[in-house]
Amino acid sequence: MVRVLIVEDEALIAMLLEDLVQELGFDGHAYATSNDALAALKTLPFDVAILDVNLGASLSYPVADALAAQGIPFAFATGYGSGGVDPKYRGVTVMRKPIESGALKTVIEQLLNPGIPAAEGA
């Protein structure tokens, strides 16, 4: 089963994303902080990741860098759109919140199979 790392600091949104991922047939694991997500990356194998950019007092970029170093594809999720993402990550898929189930499924499938076109509005 495809394991999805979710990094989201808002508890309700994290639970919603975890539920959506599981409803789509994937295995979702949500973490609220970069440190928690980085610790999980050391112990669990993940296939893809969805990262909220702004985690309150910090950003998820350390997780993005660790994922890139391990060759794990990821997408950002933010209410600010692609303008809210550091230009260093240009080319990374950005999903605009709120995230709908169909768009989430398309993005996960695109991350798993890069030949699939990116989701509209993602």
N, C-alpha and C. Protein backbone atom coordinates (compact mmCIF):
# COMPACT_ATOMS: atom_id res chain seq x y z
N MET A 1 0.85 -1.19 0.00
CA MET A 1 0.00 0.00 0.00
C MET A 1 0.89 1.24 0.00
N VAL A 2 0.47 2.24 -0.73
CA VAL A 2 1.21 3.50 -0.82
C VAL A 2 1.10 4.25 0.51
N ARG A 3 2.26 4.62 1.05
CA ARG A 3 2.29 5.34 2.33
C ARG A 3 2.53 6.82 2.04
N VAL A 4 1.61 7.67 2.58
CA VAL A 4 1.64 9.11 2.35
C VAL A 4 1.98 9.83 3.65
N LEU A 5 3.05 10.61 3.61
CA LEU A 5 3.41 11.48 4.73
C LEU A 5 2.63 12.78 4.57
N ILE A 6 1.95 13.17 5.63
CA ILE A 6 1.19 14.43 5.65
C ILE A 6 1.79 15.29 6.75
N VAL A 7 2.18 16.51 6.40
CA VAL A 7 2.69 17.44 7.41
C VAL A 7 1.75 18.62 7.44
N GLU A 8 1.01 18.75 8.54
CA GLU A 8 -0.03 19.78 8.68
C GLU A 8 -0.17 20.11 10.15
N ASP A 9 -0.04 21.40 10.50
CA ASP A 9 -0.07 21.80 11.90
C ASP A 9 -1.47 21.99 12.46
N GLU A 10 -2.46 22.20 11.62
CA GLU A 10 -3.85 22.36 12.09
C GLU A 10 -4.46 20.97 12.27
N ALA A 11 -4.79 20.63 13.51
CA ALA A 11 -5.23 19.27 13.83
C ALA A 11 -6.44 18.82 13.00
N LEU A 12 -7.45 19.67 12.85
CA LEU A 12 -8.64 19.27 12.09
C LEU A 12 -8.33 19.02 10.63
N ILE A 13 -7.48 19.87 10.04
CA ILE A 13 -7.10 19.70 8.64
C ILE A 13 -6.26 18.44 8.49
N ALA A 14 -5.36 18.19 9.44
CA ALA A 14 -4.53 16.99 9.40
C ALA A 14 -5.40 15.73 9.44
N MET A 15 -6.40 15.72 10.33
CA MET A 15 -7.30 14.56 10.41
C MET A 15 -8.10 14.41 9.13
N LEU A 16 -8.57 15.52 8.57
CA LEU A 16 -9.33 15.47 7.32
C LEU A 16 -8.47 14.91 6.19
N LEU A 17 -7.24 15.41 6.06
CA LEU A 17 -6.34 14.91 5.01
C LEU A 17 -6.02 13.43 5.21
N GLU A 18 -5.77 13.04 6.44
CA GLU A 18 -5.49 11.64 6.72
C GLU A 18 -6.67 10.77 6.32
N ASP A 19 -7.89 11.21 6.67
CA ASP A 19 -9.10 10.47 6.29
C ASP A 19 -9.27 10.42 4.78
N LEU A 20 -9.06 11.57 4.10
CA LEU A 20 -9.18 11.61 2.64
C LEU A 20 -8.20 10.65 1.98
N VAL A 21 -6.97 10.68 2.44
CA VAL A 21 -5.94 9.80 1.88
C VAL A 21 -6.35 8.35 2.05
N GLN A 22 -6.87 8.00 3.22
CA GLN A 22 -7.28 6.62 3.47
C GLN A 22 -8.51 6.25 2.65
N GLU A 23 -9.45 7.18 2.47
CA GLU A 23 -10.62 6.91 1.63
C GLU A 23 -10.22 6.67 0.18
N LEU A 24 -9.12 7.28 -0.24
CA LEU A 24 -8.63 7.11 -1.60
C LEU A 24 -7.84 5.82 -1.78
N GLY A 25 -7.68 5.07 -0.68
CA GLY A 25 -7.01 3.78 -0.76
C GLY A 25 -5.53 3.81 -0.44
N PHE A 26 -5.06 4.91 0.13
CA PHE A 26 -3.65 5.04 0.50
C PHE A 26 -3.53 4.99 2.03
N ASP A 27 -2.31 4.88 2.51
CA ASP A 27 -2.04 4.81 3.94
C ASP A 27 -1.47 6.15 4.39
N GLY A 28 -2.29 6.99 5.03
CA GLY A 28 -1.87 8.33 5.42
C GLY A 28 -1.38 8.41 6.85
N HIS A 29 -0.30 9.19 7.05
CA HIS A 29 0.28 9.40 8.37
C HIS A 29 0.54 10.89 8.54
N ALA A 30 -0.18 11.53 9.47
CA ALA A 30 -0.07 12.98 9.65
C ALA A 30 0.82 13.33 10.84
N TYR A 31 1.61 14.40 10.64
CA TYR A 31 2.50 14.93 11.66
C TYR A 31 2.34 16.44 11.69
N ALA A 32 2.41 17.02 12.88
CA ALA A 32 2.13 18.45 13.04
C ALA A 32 3.37 19.33 12.93
N THR A 33 4.55 18.77 13.10
CA THR A 33 5.76 19.58 13.07
C THR A 33 6.79 18.98 12.13
N SER A 34 7.71 19.81 11.70
CA SER A 34 8.82 19.32 10.87
C SER A 34 9.64 18.28 11.63
N ASN A 35 9.89 18.54 12.92
CA ASN A 35 10.69 17.59 13.70
C ASN A 35 10.03 16.22 13.78
N ASP A 36 8.71 16.19 13.99
CA ASP A 36 8.00 14.91 14.04
C ASP A 36 8.06 14.20 12.69
N ALA A 37 7.89 14.97 11.62
CA ALA A 37 7.93 14.38 10.28
C ALA A 37 9.33 13.86 9.96
N LEU A 38 10.35 14.62 10.33
CA LEU A 38 11.73 14.19 10.08
C LEU A 38 12.04 12.91 10.87
N ALA A 39 11.54 12.81 12.09
CA ALA A 39 11.74 11.59 12.89
C ALA A 39 11.03 10.41 12.22
N ALA A 40 9.83 10.63 11.71
CA ALA A 40 9.09 9.56 11.04
C ALA A 40 9.82 9.10 9.78
N LEU A 41 10.43 10.04 9.07
CA LEU A 41 11.18 9.67 7.86
C LEU A 41 12.34 8.74 8.16
N LYS A 42 12.84 8.77 9.38
CA LYS A 42 13.95 7.90 9.77
C LYS A 42 13.49 6.49 10.08
N THR A 43 12.19 6.32 10.38
CA THR A 43 11.72 5.01 10.83
C THR A 43 10.68 4.36 9.91
N LEU A 44 10.01 5.16 9.08
CA LEU A 44 8.97 4.61 8.21
C LEU A 44 9.28 4.91 6.75
N PRO A 45 9.00 3.96 5.87
CA PRO A 45 9.19 4.22 4.45
C PRO A 45 7.96 4.93 3.87
N PHE A 46 8.15 6.08 3.27
CA PHE A 46 7.06 6.82 2.64
C PHE A 46 7.26 6.82 1.14
N ASP A 47 6.14 6.81 0.42
CA ASP A 47 6.18 6.83 -1.04
C ASP A 47 6.03 8.25 -1.60
N VAL A 48 5.19 9.04 -0.94
CA VAL A 48 4.95 10.43 -1.35
C VAL A 48 4.62 11.24 -0.10
N ALA A 49 4.60 12.59 -0.27
CA ALA A 49 4.27 13.44 0.88
C ALA A 49 3.49 14.66 0.43
N ILE A 50 2.64 15.14 1.33
CA ILE A 50 1.89 16.38 1.16
C ILE A 50 2.29 17.27 2.34
N LEU A 51 2.87 18.44 2.03
CA LEU A 51 3.41 19.31 3.07
C LEU A 51 2.69 20.64 3.11
N ASP A 52 2.14 20.99 4.26
CA ASP A 52 1.68 22.35 4.48
C ASP A 52 2.94 23.19 4.59
N VAL A 53 2.98 24.32 3.91
CA VAL A 53 4.19 25.15 3.91
C VAL A 53 4.39 25.79 5.28
N ASN A 54 3.36 26.46 5.79
CA ASN A 54 3.46 27.22 7.03
C ASN A 54 2.97 26.37 8.19
N LEU A 55 3.89 26.04 9.08
CA LEU A 55 3.56 25.22 10.25
C LEU A 55 3.57 26.06 11.52
N GLY A 56 2.86 27.17 11.49
CA GLY A 56 2.82 28.05 12.64
C GLY A 56 4.10 28.83 12.77
N ALA A 57 4.94 28.44 13.72
CA ALA A 57 6.19 29.15 13.99
C ALA A 57 7.33 28.72 13.07
N SER A 58 7.10 27.73 12.21
CA SER A 58 8.17 27.25 11.32
C SER A 58 7.60 26.92 9.94
N LEU A 59 8.47 26.53 9.05
CA LEU A 59 8.09 26.14 7.69
C LEU A 59 8.46 24.67 7.48
N SER A 60 7.86 24.05 6.48
CA SER A 60 8.11 22.63 6.23
C SER A 60 9.30 22.37 5.31
N TYR A 61 10.07 23.40 4.97
CA TYR A 61 11.17 23.23 4.02
C TYR A 61 12.23 22.22 4.46
N PRO A 62 12.54 22.09 5.76
CA PRO A 62 13.50 21.03 6.14
C PRO A 62 12.98 19.63 5.75
N VAL A 63 11.68 19.42 5.85
CA VAL A 63 11.10 18.14 5.45
C VAL A 63 11.20 17.99 3.94
N ALA A 64 10.90 19.06 3.21
CA ALA A 64 11.00 19.02 1.75
C ALA A 64 12.42 18.66 1.33
N ASP A 65 13.41 19.25 1.97
CA ASP A 65 14.80 18.97 1.64
C ASP A 65 15.16 17.51 1.94
N ALA A 66 14.68 16.99 3.07
CA ALA A 66 14.95 15.59 3.42
C ALA A 66 14.27 14.65 2.43
N LEU A 67 13.05 14.97 2.03
CA LEU A 67 12.35 14.15 1.04
C LEU A 67 13.10 14.15 -0.28
N ALA A 68 13.53 15.33 -0.72
CA ALA A 68 14.26 15.44 -1.98
C ALA A 68 15.55 14.62 -1.91
N ALA A 69 16.25 14.69 -0.79
CA ALA A 69 17.49 13.94 -0.62
C ALA A 69 17.27 12.44 -0.70
N GLN A 70 16.08 11.99 -0.26
CA GLN A 70 15.75 10.56 -0.29
C GLN A 70 15.03 10.15 -1.58
N GLY A 71 14.78 11.12 -2.46
CA GLY A 71 14.11 10.81 -3.72
C GLY A 71 12.63 10.53 -3.56
N ILE A 72 12.02 11.05 -2.50
CA ILE A 72 10.59 10.86 -2.26
C ILE A 72 9.84 12.06 -2.82
N PRO A 73 8.94 11.86 -3.78
CA PRO A 73 8.22 12.99 -4.35
C PRO A 73 7.23 13.60 -3.37
N PHE A 74 7.05 14.91 -3.49
CA PHE A 74 6.15 15.61 -2.57
C PHE A 74 5.48 16.77 -3.27
N ALA A 75 4.39 17.22 -2.64
CA ALA A 75 3.67 18.42 -3.09
C ALA A 75 3.44 19.29 -1.87
N PHE A 76 3.31 20.58 -2.12
CA PHE A 76 2.98 21.51 -1.05
C PHE A 76 1.47 21.75 -1.05
N ALA A 77 0.93 22.05 0.13
CA ALA A 77 -0.46 22.45 0.29
C ALA A 77 -0.45 23.77 1.05
N THR A 78 -1.08 24.78 0.49
CA THR A 78 -1.08 26.09 1.15
C THR A 78 -2.29 26.89 0.71
N GLY A 79 -2.72 27.76 1.58
CA GLY A 79 -3.81 28.66 1.24
C GLY A 79 -3.34 29.84 0.41
N TYR A 80 -2.03 29.97 0.24
CA TYR A 80 -1.46 31.11 -0.47
C TYR A 80 -1.14 30.81 -1.93
N GLY A 81 -1.35 29.58 -2.38
CA GLY A 81 -1.02 29.22 -3.74
C GLY A 81 0.49 29.18 -3.96
N SER A 82 0.90 29.08 -5.21
CA SER A 82 2.33 28.94 -5.50
C SER A 82 3.14 30.16 -5.08
N GLY A 83 2.49 31.33 -4.96
CA GLY A 83 3.18 32.52 -4.51
C GLY A 83 3.65 32.44 -3.07
N GLY A 84 3.10 31.50 -2.30
CA GLY A 84 3.48 31.34 -0.90
C GLY A 84 4.60 30.34 -0.70
N VAL A 85 5.21 29.87 -1.80
CA VAL A 85 6.27 28.87 -1.72
C VAL A 85 7.59 29.49 -2.15
N ASP A 86 8.64 29.19 -1.40
CA ASP A 86 9.98 29.69 -1.73
C ASP A 86 10.32 29.33 -3.18
N PRO A 87 10.86 30.29 -3.94
CA PRO A 87 11.21 30.03 -5.34
C PRO A 87 12.17 28.85 -5.52
N LYS A 88 12.91 28.49 -4.48
CA LYS A 88 13.80 27.32 -4.53
C LYS A 88 13.04 26.07 -4.95
N TYR A 89 11.75 26.03 -4.63
CA TYR A 89 10.94 24.84 -4.89
C TYR A 89 10.07 25.00 -6.14
N ARG A 90 10.45 25.91 -7.01
CA ARG A 90 9.72 26.07 -8.27
C ARG A 90 9.72 24.72 -8.98
N GLY A 91 8.61 24.34 -9.51
CA GLY A 91 8.50 23.04 -10.16
C GLY A 91 7.83 22.00 -9.29
N VAL A 92 7.76 22.24 -7.98
CA VAL A 92 7.05 21.34 -7.08
C VAL A 92 5.57 21.66 -7.17
N THR A 93 4.73 20.65 -7.25
CA THR A 93 3.29 20.85 -7.31
C THR A 93 2.81 21.56 -6.05
N VAL A 94 1.94 22.54 -6.23
CA VAL A 94 1.36 23.27 -5.11
C VAL A 94 -0.15 23.15 -5.18
N MET A 95 -0.75 22.57 -4.14
CA MET A 95 -2.20 22.47 -4.05
C MET A 95 -2.71 23.62 -3.19
N ARG A 96 -3.76 24.24 -3.64
CA ARG A 96 -4.36 25.34 -2.89
C ARG A 96 -5.41 24.78 -1.94
N LYS A 97 -5.33 25.20 -0.68
CA LYS A 97 -6.34 24.79 0.31
C LYS A 97 -7.60 25.61 0.11
N PRO A 98 -8.76 25.06 0.39
CA PRO A 98 -9.00 23.70 0.88
C PRO A 98 -8.80 22.67 -0.24
N ILE A 99 -8.32 21.52 0.15
CA ILE A 99 -8.00 20.46 -0.80
C ILE A 99 -9.19 19.54 -0.96
N GLU A 100 -9.58 19.33 -2.20
CA GLU A 100 -10.70 18.44 -2.50
C GLU A 100 -10.17 17.04 -2.80
N SER A 101 -10.99 16.06 -2.55
CA SER A 101 -10.61 14.66 -2.70
C SER A 101 -10.08 14.33 -4.09
N GLY A 102 -10.79 14.78 -5.13
CA GLY A 102 -10.37 14.48 -6.51
C GLY A 102 -9.01 15.06 -6.83
N ALA A 103 -8.77 16.30 -6.41
CA ALA A 103 -7.47 16.94 -6.67
C ALA A 103 -6.37 16.22 -5.89
N LEU A 104 -6.66 15.82 -4.67
CA LEU A 104 -5.67 15.11 -3.85
C LEU A 104 -5.30 13.79 -4.52
N LYS A 105 -6.30 13.06 -4.99
CA LYS A 105 -6.04 11.78 -5.66
C LYS A 105 -5.18 11.99 -6.90
N THR A 106 -5.52 12.98 -7.70
CA THR A 106 -4.76 13.26 -8.91
C THR A 106 -3.32 13.61 -8.59
N VAL A 107 -3.10 14.44 -7.57
CA VAL A 107 -1.74 14.84 -7.21
C VAL A 107 -0.94 13.64 -6.70
N ILE A 108 -1.54 12.81 -5.85
CA ILE A 108 -0.82 11.63 -5.35
C ILE A 108 -0.46 10.72 -6.51
N GLU A 109 -1.40 10.49 -7.41
CA GLU A 109 -1.12 9.62 -8.56
C GLU A 109 -0.05 10.23 -9.45
N GLN A 110 -0.06 11.55 -9.61
CA GLN A 110 0.95 12.22 -10.42
C GLN A 110 2.32 12.12 -9.76
N LEU A 111 2.37 12.22 -8.43
CA LEU A 111 3.64 12.06 -7.72
C LEU A 111 4.19 10.65 -7.88
N LEU A 112 3.30 9.67 -7.86
CA LEU A 112 3.71 8.28 -8.01
C LEU A 112 4.11 7.96 -9.45
N ASN A 113 3.48 8.64 -10.40
CA ASN A 113 3.69 8.41 -11.83
C ASN A 113 3.88 9.76 -12.52
N PRO A 114 5.09 10.28 -12.54
CA PRO A 114 5.34 11.63 -13.04
C PRO A 114 4.87 11.89 -14.47
N GLY A 115 4.57 10.87 -15.25
CA GLY A 115 4.09 11.07 -16.62
C GLY A 115 2.65 11.54 -16.70
N ILE A 116 1.92 11.47 -15.57
CA ILE A 116 0.52 11.92 -15.56
C ILE A 116 0.50 13.45 -15.45
N PRO A 117 -0.30 14.14 -16.27
CA PRO A 117 -0.37 15.59 -16.17
C PRO A 117 -0.83 16.05 -14.79
N ALA A 118 -0.33 17.21 -14.36
CA ALA A 118 -0.70 17.78 -13.06
C ALA A 118 -2.17 18.13 -13.01
N ALA A 119 -2.74 18.11 -11.81
CA ALA A 119 -4.15 18.44 -11.62
C ALA A 119 -4.43 19.89 -11.92
N GLU A 120 -5.61 20.16 -12.44
CA GLU A 120 -6.04 21.55 -12.65
C GLU A 120 -6.15 22.24 -11.31
N GLY A 121 -5.58 23.41 -11.20
CA GLY A 121 -5.68 24.18 -9.97
C GLY A 121 -4.77 23.69 -8.87
N ALA A 122 -3.98 22.67 -9.17
CA ALA A 122 -3.08 22.14 -8.14
C ALA A 122 -1.80 22.94 -8.12
